[in-house]
C-alpha cells in the first residue's frame, strides 16, 4: 500500500465515479481501475461495489476512508515539515554568546529572528569565546557570538558582527588627570580588575598595557563585565571594559574614553556545514549590524 493508492481510493470515494475520479487525478481510467483492484487485493476485501450505475463504498470502504484521509493529511504534513526544514524555517538552534553580547547585540538579533522564524526553538548559553568555538566544533552549539580573535585555531566560518572600543571604568570620585580621554600609560600604578584568563579580553588588555609601557598590577579577575563594574564601584581598582556595556555601569562608576583607542570586535561563528536554520540566523544577524 502506498500514498498513490490511498489518493486514488479517496478520490474515487469522493466522486463514486471512475471517469470523474480519473479526470480529477489527471490520469486515464484504466490505471485507476488497476490501482483500486490491487489495493483491494492487498487489503483482502472489496472497498467498492461496482454496478452499471457507478460505484458505492462497501462497509470495508466506509471504515477505511477516514484513516486513509488521515494518512494523506499526515503525509502532507511530513512534506511541509521537510520543506520548512530545508529552508531553515524550523528546528532547534543552539546559540552560545559571550557576556558582553547581552548589552546590545542579543537584543538587536533575537526579537526579529523570533518574529521571522516563529517555528524555530532557540537555546541560548553564555560561555567564553574559546568554549563557544570548542562547542561549535563538537556540534554542541550551532552558532556562537565570540570575542575576536579566538585565540585557538578553529575550523570555523567567522564574520565580524560588531565593533567596539575599550574604555576606562573608574569611580566617579577618582580624580583622574587630565580630564577627558585618559592615556593608558598614566594608569601604570593603578590596581586593575581584569577579565579572567579564559577570556579573549584578558589577553587584549594585557597587550594594550604592554604597548603603553607597563604590565598591569592585577588586583582581581572576574568573568562577567557586570561583576567587574561592581568591583570597580567597590574601590578595588580600575578596569577596561567594552564601551557598549555602559548601561550596566553602577551610578558610582564612570566610563571614560582612552586617549589611544583599543578596538575590539565580536564575531558570529558557525561550522562550514552549518544548517539552513543556522545560516538564516547568521544572515539576519549580520543584516542587523
Protein backbone atom coordinates (compact mmCIF):
# COMPACT_ATOMS: atom_id res chain seq x y z
CA UNK A 1 0.00 0.00 0.00
CA UNK A 2 1.39 3.40 -0.93
CA UNK A 3 0.22 7.02 -0.86
CA UNK A 4 -0.63 6.93 -4.55
CA UNK A 5 -3.10 4.09 -3.97
CA UNK A 6 -4.63 5.88 -0.99
CA UNK A 7 -5.03 9.07 -3.01
CA UNK A 8 -6.79 7.12 -5.78
CA UNK A 9 -9.04 5.41 -3.21
CA UNK A 10 -10.07 8.68 -1.53
CA UNK A 11 -10.70 10.43 -4.85
CA UNK A 12 -12.90 7.59 -6.08
CA UNK A 13 -14.73 7.55 -2.75
CA UNK A 14 -15.40 11.28 -3.12
CA UNK A 15 -16.68 11.04 -6.70
CA UNK A 16 -18.11 7.48 -6.77
CA UNK A 17 -17.39 7.50 -10.49
CA UNK A 18 -14.27 6.10 -12.18
CA UNK A 19 -14.44 8.57 -15.06
CA UNK A 20 -14.74 11.67 -12.83
CA UNK A 21 -12.13 10.35 -10.42
CA UNK A 22 -9.67 9.73 -13.25
CA UNK A 23 -10.26 13.22 -14.62
CA UNK A 24 -9.63 14.75 -11.17
CA UNK A 25 -6.43 12.74 -10.84
CA UNK A 26 -5.33 13.69 -14.39
CA UNK A 27 -4.94 10.08 -15.44
CA UNK A 28 -6.88 7.73 -17.72
CA UNK A 29 -9.48 5.37 -16.29
CA UNK A 30 -7.66 2.00 -16.79
CA UNK A 31 -4.69 2.81 -14.46
CA UNK A 32 -7.17 3.94 -11.81
CA UNK A 33 -9.13 0.70 -12.08
CA UNK A 34 -5.93 -1.36 -11.84
CA UNK A 35 -4.69 0.60 -8.79
CA UNK A 36 -8.00 0.16 -6.93
CA UNK A 37 -8.09 -3.55 -7.72
CA UNK A 38 -4.52 -4.04 -6.47
CA UNK A 39 -5.34 -2.10 -3.29
CA UNK A 40 -8.36 -4.34 -2.65
CA UNK A 41 -6.22 -7.44 -3.25
CA UNK A 42 -3.60 -6.19 -0.81
CA UNK A 43 -6.17 -5.37 1.87
CA UNK A 44 -8.02 -8.62 1.23
CA UNK A 45 -11.51 -7.22 0.78
CA UNK A 46 -13.55 -5.13 -1.63
CA UNK A 47 -13.70 -1.41 -0.97
CA UNK A 48 -16.24 -0.62 -3.69
CA UNK A 49 -19.29 -2.31 -5.17
CA UNK A 50 -19.33 -1.81 -8.91
CA UNK A 51 -22.72 -1.51 -10.66
CA UNK A 52 -23.90 -0.32 -14.02
CA UNK A 53 -24.84 2.98 -12.41
CA UNK A 54 -21.40 3.53 -10.88
CA UNK A 55 -19.71 2.51 -7.63
CA UNK A 56 -20.62 2.59 -3.96
CA UNK A 57 -18.49 2.10 -0.90
CA UNK A 58 -18.68 -1.26 0.83
CA UNK A 59 -18.73 -1.39 4.65
CA UNK A 60 -14.97 -2.02 4.46
CA UNK A 61 -14.53 1.02 2.21
CA UNK A 62 -16.58 3.20 4.58
CA UNK A 63 -14.40 2.08 7.50
CA UNK A 64 -11.15 2.59 5.59
CA UNK A 65 -11.95 6.07 4.30
CA UNK A 66 -11.26 8.16 7.50
CA UNK A 67 -7.82 6.62 8.21
CA UNK A 68 -6.96 6.92 4.50
CA UNK A 69 -7.74 10.65 4.64
CA UNK A 70 -5.70 10.96 7.85
CA UNK A 71 -2.74 9.14 6.26
CA UNK A 72 -2.77 11.54 3.31
CA UNK A 73 -3.03 14.52 5.66
CA UNK A 74 -0.06 13.27 7.71
CA UNK A 75 1.94 12.72 4.55
CA UNK A 76 1.22 16.32 3.54
CA UNK A 77 2.47 17.48 6.97
CA UNK A 78 5.65 15.46 6.52
CA UNK A 79 6.18 17.10 3.14
CA UNK A 80 5.55 20.56 4.57
CA UNK A 81 7.83 19.98 7.57
CA UNK A 82 10.64 18.75 5.33
CA UNK A 83 10.27 21.84 3.16
CA UNK A 84 10.36 24.17 6.16
CA UNK A 85 13.42 22.39 7.49
CA UNK A 86 15.27 22.57 4.19
CA UNK A 87 14.57 26.32 4.04
CA UNK A 88 15.75 26.85 7.62
CA UNK A 89 12.34 27.85 8.95
CA UNK A 90 12.00 25.27 11.71
CA UNK A 91 14.11 23.22 14.11
CA UNK A 92 16.16 23.83 17.26
CA UNK A 93 19.07 26.26 17.18
CA UNK A 94 21.65 26.40 19.97
CA UNK A 95 23.48 29.72 20.25
CA UNK A 96 26.44 30.48 22.51
CA UNK A 97 27.30 34.05 23.42
CA UNK A 98 29.89 35.99 25.39
CA UNK A 99 28.68 38.11 28.29
CA UNK A 100 29.25 41.42 26.54
CA UNK A 101 26.67 40.44 23.90
CA UNK A 102 23.92 40.89 26.49
CA UNK A 103 24.09 44.66 26.33
CA UNK A 104 23.09 45.44 22.74
CA UNK A 105 23.87 42.55 20.41
CA UNK A 106 21.42 39.90 21.61
CA UNK A 107 18.52 42.36 22.00
CA UNK A 108 19.17 43.51 18.43
CA UNK A 109 19.26 39.98 16.98
CA UNK A 110 16.87 37.74 18.90
CA UNK A 111 13.47 39.56 18.68
CA UNK A 112 13.45 39.97 14.88
CA UNK A 113 14.66 36.39 14.41
CA UNK A 114 11.83 35.07 16.57
CA UNK A 115 9.40 37.16 14.54
CA UNK A 116 10.58 35.81 11.19
CA UNK A 117 11.12 32.22 12.43
CA UNK A 118 8.21 31.53 14.81
CA UNK A 119 8.55 27.75 14.38
CA UNK A 120 12.22 27.67 15.42
CA UNK A 121 13.29 26.98 19.01
CA UNK A 122 16.29 28.86 20.43
CA UNK A 123 18.63 27.56 23.14
CA UNK A 124 20.95 30.29 24.48
CA UNK A 125 24.07 29.65 26.56
CA UNK A 126 26.56 32.16 27.96
CA UNK A 127 30.14 30.92 27.59
CA UNK A 128 33.67 32.09 26.90
CA UNK A 129 34.79 32.60 23.31
CA UNK A 130 37.10 29.58 23.37
CA UNK A 131 34.38 27.48 24.99
CA UNK A 132 31.92 28.55 22.29
CA UNK A 133 34.37 27.73 19.49
CA UNK A 134 35.11 24.31 21.02
CA UNK A 135 31.38 23.59 21.41
CA UNK A 136 30.63 24.55 17.80
CA UNK A 137 33.36 22.23 16.54
CA UNK A 138 31.99 19.45 18.79
CA UNK A 139 28.46 20.12 17.41
CA UNK A 140 27.20 21.01 20.87
CA UNK A 141 26.38 24.51 19.56
CA UNK A 142 25.21 25.67 16.13
CA UNK A 143 26.18 29.34 16.24
CA UNK A 144 28.31 31.49 18.52
CA UNK A 145 28.83 35.18 19.27
CA UNK A 146 32.52 35.29 20.15
CA UNK A 147 35.05 37.92 21.09
CA UNK A 148 37.74 38.19 18.41
CA UNK A 149 40.32 36.99 17.91
CA UNK A 150 39.56 33.46 19.11
CA UNK A 151 42.96 32.55 20.48
CA UNK A 152 42.98 28.88 19.48
CA UNK A 153 42.87 27.85 15.84
CA UNK A 154 39.41 26.57 14.99
CA UNK A 155 37.98 25.46 11.65
CA UNK A 156 35.01 27.81 11.73
CA UNK A 157 33.37 30.36 9.50
CA UNK A 158 33.56 33.67 11.38
CA UNK A 159 32.29 37.10 10.35
CA UNK A 160 32.64 40.36 12.29
CA UNK A 161 29.24 41.42 13.56
CA UNK A 162 30.07 44.25 15.97
CA UNK A 163 32.98 46.57 16.75
CA UNK A 164 33.58 48.47 19.95
CA UNK A 165 36.26 50.24 22.00
CA UNK A 166 37.61 49.52 25.44
CA UNK A 167 37.00 52.36 27.89
CA UNK A 168 38.28 53.01 31.37
CA UNK A 169 35.88 52.16 34.20
CA UNK A 170 36.63 54.06 37.42
CA UNK A 171 34.83 55.53 40.38
CA UNK A 172 33.29 58.95 39.86
CA UNK A 173 35.23 60.30 42.85
CA UNK A 174 38.52 59.12 41.33
CA UNK A 175 40.19 62.38 40.30
CA UNK A 176 41.86 61.34 37.08
CA UNK A 177 44.23 63.83 35.46
CA UNK A 178 43.92 65.12 32.83
CA UNK A 179 40.18 65.35 32.32
CA UNK A 180 38.91 63.88 29.07
CA UNK A 181 40.41 60.84 27.33
CA UNK A 182 42.90 59.09 29.58
CA UNK A 183 46.36 57.99 28.36
CA UNK A 184 46.66 54.34 29.31
CA UNK A 185 50.26 54.82 30.49
CA UNK A 186 49.07 57.10 33.32
CA UNK A 187 47.36 54.09 34.91
CA UNK A 188 50.57 52.12 35.38
CA UNK A 189 50.46 52.44 39.17
CA UNK A 190 46.74 51.63 39.50
CA UNK A 191 45.38 48.24 40.58
CA UNK A 192 43.44 46.63 37.71
CA UNK A 193 40.38 44.45 37.72
CA UNK A 194 40.58 42.36 34.57
CA UNK A 195 38.65 39.68 32.76
CA UNK A 196 39.65 36.16 33.75
CA UNK A 197 42.42 34.44 31.82
CA UNK A 198 39.91 32.32 29.86
CA UNK A 199 38.54 35.50 28.24
CA UNK A 200 39.93 36.90 25.00
CA UNK A 201 39.71 40.38 26.57
CA UNK A 202 42.26 39.30 29.19
CA UNK A 203 44.93 38.98 26.51
CA UNK A 204 43.75 42.11 24.69
CA UNK A 205 44.05 44.20 27.87
CA UNK A 206 47.49 42.83 28.78
CA UNK A 207 48.71 43.56 25.25
CA UNK A 208 47.32 47.13 25.32
CA UNK A 209 49.05 47.81 28.64
CA UNK A 210 52.31 46.35 27.34
CA UNK A 211 52.10 48.62 24.30
CA UNK A 212 51.61 51.52 26.73
CA UNK A 213 54.84 50.57 28.51
CA UNK A 214 53.75 48.68 31.61
CA UNK A 215 52.38 45.42 32.94
CA UNK A 216 49.10 45.96 34.84
CA UNK A 217 49.04 45.25 38.57
CA UNK A 218 46.11 42.81 38.69
CA UNK A 219 44.11 43.10 41.89
CA UNK A 220 41.20 40.85 40.88
CA UNK A 221 39.91 38.80 37.96
CA UNK A 222 36.26 38.22 37.07
CA UNK A 223 34.28 36.56 34.28
CA UNK A 224 31.28 38.89 33.96
CA UNK A 225 31.60 42.55 32.92
CA UNK A 226 28.84 43.37 35.40
CA UNK A 227 30.95 41.82 38.17
CA UNK A 228 33.99 43.83 37.08
CA UNK A 229 31.97 47.05 37.19
CA UNK A 230 30.69 46.21 40.66
CA UNK A 231 34.25 45.60 41.86
CA UNK A 232 35.28 48.97 40.41
CA UNK A 233 32.41 50.53 42.34
CA UNK A 234 33.75 48.85 45.48
CA UNK A 235 37.07 50.67 45.02
CA UNK A 236 39.22 47.61 44.29
CA UNK A 237 40.71 49.20 41.20
CA UNK A 238 40.10 50.40 37.66
CA UNK A 239 39.15 48.29 34.65
CA UNK A 240 38.99 48.32 30.87
CA UNK A 241 35.56 47.28 29.62
CA UNK A 242 33.64 47.44 26.29
CA UNK A 243 32.01 50.83 25.79
CA UNK A 244 28.73 49.16 24.83
CA UNK A 245 28.38 47.90 28.40
CA UNK A 246 27.77 51.45 29.64
CA UNK A 247 24.14 50.68 30.51
CA UNK A 248 25.35 48.22 33.15
CA UNK A 249 27.65 50.69 34.90
CA UNK A 250 26.57 51.48 38.50
CA UNK A 251 25.87 55.10 39.36
CA UNK A 252 29.19 55.43 41.18
CA UNK A 253 31.18 54.25 38.14
CA UNK A 254 32.17 56.43 35.19
CA UNK A 255 33.31 55.17 31.80
CA UNK A 256 35.99 57.39 30.27
CA UNK A 257 37.47 57.01 26.77
CA UNK A 258 41.15 56.15 26.38
CA UNK A 259 43.46 58.56 24.62
CA UNK A 260 44.77 55.68 22.49
CA UNK A 261 41.64 53.72 21.43
CA UNK A 262 41.78 49.97 21.88
CA UNK A 263 39.48 48.47 19.23
CA UNK A 264 37.72 45.18 19.92
CA UNK A 265 35.43 43.07 17.75
CA UNK A 266 32.71 40.49 18.18
CA UNK A 267 32.24 37.79 15.57
CA UNK A 268 29.48 35.35 14.71
CA UNK A 269 30.76 31.83 14.13
CA UNK A 270 29.46 28.52 12.79
CA UNK A 271 30.73 25.35 11.14
CA UNK A 272 31.26 25.24 7.40
CA UNK A 273 28.42 22.71 7.17
CA UNK A 274 26.01 24.75 9.30
CA UNK A 275 22.32 24.00 8.93
CA UNK A 276 19.96 26.18 6.87
CA UNK A 277 18.44 27.45 10.13
CA UNK A 278 21.87 28.47 11.43
CA UNK A 279 22.66 30.22 8.16
CA UNK A 280 19.35 32.09 8.32
CA UNK A 281 20.18 33.24 11.87
CA UNK A 282 23.62 34.44 10.80
CA UNK A 283 22.31 36.17 7.68
CA UNK A 284 19.66 38.02 9.67
CA UNK A 285 22.11 38.90 12.45
CA UNK A 286 24.61 40.39 10.01
CA UNK A 287 21.84 42.37 8.31
CA UNK A 288 21.02 43.94 11.69
CA UNK A 289 24.52 45.38 12.15
